Amino acid sequence: MMPDRLGVLSSTRYVIDHARHVHLAVDRLRAVCSDIARTGVSLPQWNRELHWSDGEEETAMYIFVLDSLNFCFWGEPRWMITYKQQTLDGYWALAASLRRAVEEGVPILDASYLAEMPERDLAHVLRGTTTIPLFAERLAHLHELGRWLVSAYNGQCGEVVRSACGDAVALVQRVVSELSSFNDIAHYDDHVVR
């Protein structure tokens, strides 16, 4: 078994053993794993139409901004945007909103700007059929991200990535320990779940 460097497996063990509303069908899980081992899995391609990328370090900043905002899209009515004749909701609407913002010259890839981003600017970036759920929390996440990058990493996501020395787990550990908005935990019967 692989080491549990992030504590995810150990923190979820209690939930697996004590879940009241769901359970794992272990026989079906083994069958699916066998099928995957036999046939392989094709990984989806990065959606270049909806995601933004410069092929350089600013792509890391785009991903940090995207991940800072990527939560809770299930409000009613659904938050949707139209981008290049496509009506999108949820994650894809978020990805396209950020791409649209970069194309419009909104400096969402600048940590100093994010640290103090005005509410009206984020409202413009995320404009859609309705206000995105948890708008204030999203703005707070961007402020936290920007301030963290400016104070600890010269405003550069590339420095955060380099600081992990090629170790993805170390990168995750750094991000979740230094950014409260990324420290995604829950409680189940007085147990912390990561």
Protein backbone atom coordinates (compact mmCIF):
# COMPACT_ATOMS: atom_id res chain seq x y z
CA MET A 1 0.00 0.00 0.00
CA MET A 2 1.17 3.53 -0.75
CA PRO A 3 2.13 5.81 2.14
CA ASP A 4 -0.65 8.13 3.31
CA ARG A 5 1.41 11.35 3.35
CA LEU A 6 -1.66 13.59 3.20
CA GLY A 7 -3.60 11.68 5.86
CA VAL A 8 -6.59 11.18 3.56
CA LEU A 9 -6.79 7.39 3.89
CA SER A 10 -6.30 7.36 7.65
CA SER A 11 -8.81 10.17 8.21
CA THR A 12 -11.48 8.51 6.07
CA ARG A 13 -11.03 5.04 7.62
CA TYR A 14 -13.45 5.90 10.44
CA VAL A 15 -16.10 7.07 7.98
CA ILE A 16 -15.73 3.91 5.90
CA ASP A 17 -16.07 1.73 8.99
CA HIS A 18 -18.98 3.67 10.54
CA ALA A 19 -20.99 5.12 7.64
CA ARG A 20 -24.72 5.03 8.27
CA HIS A 21 -26.13 6.10 4.90
CA VAL A 22 -23.75 4.66 2.29
CA HIS A 23 -21.46 1.70 1.92
CA LEU A 24 -18.87 0.41 -0.51
CA ALA A 25 -19.86 -2.57 -2.62
CA VAL A 26 -16.40 -4.11 -2.40
CA ASP A 27 -17.18 -6.89 -4.90
CA ARG A 28 -18.27 -4.28 -7.50
CA LEU A 29 -15.25 -2.12 -6.72
CA ARG A 30 -12.93 -5.08 -7.34
CA ALA A 31 -14.72 -5.81 -10.63
CA VAL A 32 -14.32 -2.21 -11.80
CA CYS A 33 -10.64 -2.23 -10.83
CA SER A 34 -10.14 -5.46 -12.78
CA ASP A 35 -11.85 -3.94 -15.82
CA ILE A 36 -9.66 -0.86 -15.65
CA ALA A 37 -6.52 -2.96 -15.25
CA ARG A 38 -7.51 -5.05 -18.26
CA THR A 39 -8.74 -2.31 -20.62
CA GLY A 40 -6.92 0.77 -19.36
CA VAL A 41 -8.29 4.25 -18.97
CA SER A 42 -8.16 7.09 -21.44
CA LEU A 43 -7.51 10.38 -19.73
CA PRO A 44 -9.52 13.39 -20.85
CA GLN A 45 -7.65 16.12 -22.65
CA TRP A 46 -7.28 19.61 -21.19
CA ASN A 47 -10.15 21.66 -22.59
CA ARG A 48 -8.26 24.37 -24.45
CA GLU A 49 -11.43 26.20 -25.46
CA LEU A 50 -12.59 26.87 -21.92
CA HIS A 51 -9.36 26.87 -19.91
CA TRP A 52 -6.74 29.57 -20.32
CA SER A 53 -3.07 28.74 -20.69
CA ASP A 54 0.06 30.53 -21.79
CA GLY A 55 2.14 27.36 -21.52
CA GLU A 56 4.25 29.12 -18.91
CA GLU A 57 4.10 30.08 -15.23
CA GLU A 58 0.95 32.18 -15.57
CA THR A 59 -0.90 28.92 -16.25
CA ALA A 60 -0.08 27.91 -12.66
CA MET A 61 -1.61 31.19 -11.48
CA TYR A 62 -4.74 30.55 -13.56
CA ILE A 63 -5.06 27.10 -11.96
CA PHE A 64 -4.60 28.50 -8.45
CA VAL A 65 -7.29 31.13 -9.10
CA LEU A 66 -9.59 28.50 -10.64
CA ASP A 67 -9.08 26.12 -7.72
CA SER A 68 -9.65 28.91 -5.19
CA LEU A 69 -13.10 29.48 -6.68
CA ASN A 70 -14.03 25.89 -7.58
CA PHE A 71 -16.66 24.94 -5.02
CA CYS A 72 -20.44 24.93 -4.50
CA PHE A 73 -22.25 25.55 -7.77
CA TRP A 74 -25.58 23.93 -6.85
CA GLY A 75 -27.70 27.01 -6.13
CA GLU A 76 -31.12 27.41 -7.73
CA PRO A 77 -31.53 28.88 -10.20
CA ARG A 78 -28.25 27.59 -11.62
CA TRP A 79 -25.49 30.11 -12.17
CA MET A 80 -24.73 30.03 -15.90
CA ILE A 81 -22.72 32.06 -18.37
CA THR A 82 -22.58 32.28 -22.13
CA TYR A 83 -19.11 32.16 -23.63
CA LYS A 84 -18.45 31.87 -27.37
CA GLN A 85 -22.04 30.80 -28.07
CA GLN A 86 -21.93 28.10 -25.37
CA THR A 87 -24.15 28.18 -22.30
CA LEU A 88 -22.19 26.73 -19.40
CA ASP A 89 -22.74 26.14 -15.71
CA GLY A 90 -20.73 24.93 -12.75
CA TYR A 91 -17.02 24.28 -13.17
CA TRP A 92 -17.04 24.89 -16.92
CA ALA A 93 -18.72 28.27 -16.44
CA LEU A 94 -16.05 29.17 -13.90
CA ALA A 95 -13.19 28.10 -16.17
CA ALA A 96 -14.65 30.06 -19.08
CA SER A 97 -15.36 33.12 -16.89
CA LEU A 98 -11.71 33.28 -15.89
CA ARG A 99 -10.55 32.80 -19.47
CA ARG A 100 -12.92 35.56 -20.58
CA ALA A 101 -11.52 37.82 -17.86
CA VAL A 102 -7.94 37.27 -19.05
CA GLU A 103 -9.03 37.95 -22.64
CA GLU A 104 -10.73 41.17 -21.49
CA GLY A 105 -7.58 42.34 -19.73
CA VAL A 106 -8.78 41.89 -16.15
CA PRO A 107 -5.56 41.28 -14.14
CA ILE A 108 -6.77 38.14 -12.36
CA LEU A 109 -3.33 36.56 -12.77
CA ASP A 110 -1.69 39.33 -10.71
CA ALA A 111 -1.38 38.42 -7.03
CA SER A 112 -1.25 42.07 -5.91
CA TYR A 113 -4.52 42.73 -7.69
CA LEU A 114 -6.16 39.62 -6.22
CA ALA A 115 -5.09 40.64 -2.72
CA GLU A 116 -7.29 43.74 -2.95
CA MET A 117 -9.70 42.81 -5.77
CA PRO A 118 -12.84 44.94 -5.51
CA GLU A 119 -16.15 43.13 -5.17
CA ARG A 120 -17.47 44.83 -8.32
CA ASP A 121 -14.54 43.45 -10.35
CA LEU A 122 -15.20 39.87 -9.27
CA ALA A 123 -18.91 40.40 -9.97
CA HIS A 124 -17.94 41.47 -13.50
CA VAL A 125 -15.64 38.46 -13.98
CA LEU A 126 -18.33 36.03 -12.77
CA ARG A 127 -21.26 37.78 -14.45
CA GLY A 128 -23.92 35.34 -15.51
CA THR A 129 -27.60 34.59 -15.35
CA THR A 130 -27.57 34.99 -11.56
CA THR A 131 -25.02 35.65 -8.84
CA ILE A 132 -22.73 32.69 -8.29
CA PRO A 133 -23.41 30.95 -4.94
CA LEU A 134 -21.18 31.99 -2.02
CA PHE A 135 -19.89 35.06 -3.84
CA ALA A 136 -18.47 36.71 -0.69
CA GLU A 137 -16.57 33.54 0.24
CA ARG A 138 -15.09 33.35 -3.24
CA LEU A 139 -13.90 36.94 -3.00
CA ALA A 140 -12.34 36.18 0.40
CA HIS A 141 -10.52 33.18 -1.10
CA LEU A 142 -9.02 35.35 -3.84
CA HIS A 143 -7.94 37.96 -1.30
CA GLU A 144 -6.29 35.25 0.79
CA LEU A 145 -4.55 33.75 -2.25
CA GLY A 146 -3.24 37.11 -3.42
CA ARG A 147 -1.99 38.18 0.01
CA TRP A 148 -0.29 34.82 0.57
CA LEU A 149 1.47 34.92 -2.77
CA VAL A 150 2.61 38.52 -2.29
CA SER A 151 3.83 38.03 1.28
CA ALA A 152 5.50 34.63 0.94
CA TYR A 153 6.29 34.04 -2.74
CA ASN A 154 6.95 37.43 -4.36
CA GLY A 155 3.50 37.21 -5.94
CA GLN A 156 4.56 34.26 -8.11
CA CYS A 157 2.82 30.87 -8.25
CA GLY A 158 5.90 29.51 -9.96
CA GLU A 159 7.82 30.09 -6.72
CA VAL A 160 5.25 28.07 -4.79
CA VAL A 161 5.59 25.18 -7.23
CA ARG A 162 9.41 25.36 -7.23
CA SER A 163 9.47 25.41 -3.42
CA ALA A 164 8.07 21.86 -3.43
CA CYS A 165 11.13 20.61 -5.36
CA GLY A 166 9.10 18.41 -7.71
CA ASP A 167 7.16 16.72 -4.89
CA ALA A 168 3.40 17.01 -5.53
CA VAL A 169 2.50 15.86 -2.02
CA ALA A 170 4.82 18.49 -0.51
CA LEU A 171 3.13 21.10 -2.70
CA VAL A 172 -0.32 20.06 -1.47
CA GLN A 173 0.88 20.01 2.15
CA ARG A 174 2.28 23.51 1.77
CA VAL A 175 -0.87 24.89 0.16
CA VAL A 176 -3.32 23.36 2.66
CA SER A 177 -1.21 24.38 5.66
CA GLU A 178 -0.71 27.97 4.47
CA LEU A 179 -4.09 28.73 2.84
CA SER A 180 -7.16 28.15 4.99
CA SER A 181 -9.39 28.13 1.90
CA PHE A 182 -7.58 25.02 0.63
CA ASN A 183 -7.63 23.17 3.97
CA ASP A 184 -10.73 21.20 3.04
CA ILE A 185 -11.75 19.25 6.13
CA ALA A 186 -15.03 18.01 7.56
CA HIS A 187 -16.10 16.40 10.81
CA TYR A 188 -17.84 13.04 11.12
CA ASP A 189 -18.79 11.91 14.64
CA ASP A 190 -16.05 14.08 16.17
CA HIS A 191 -13.44 12.77 13.71
CA VAL A 192 -11.62 15.11 11.31
CA VAL A 193 -11.88 13.97 7.69
CA ARG A 194 -9.48 15.31 5.03
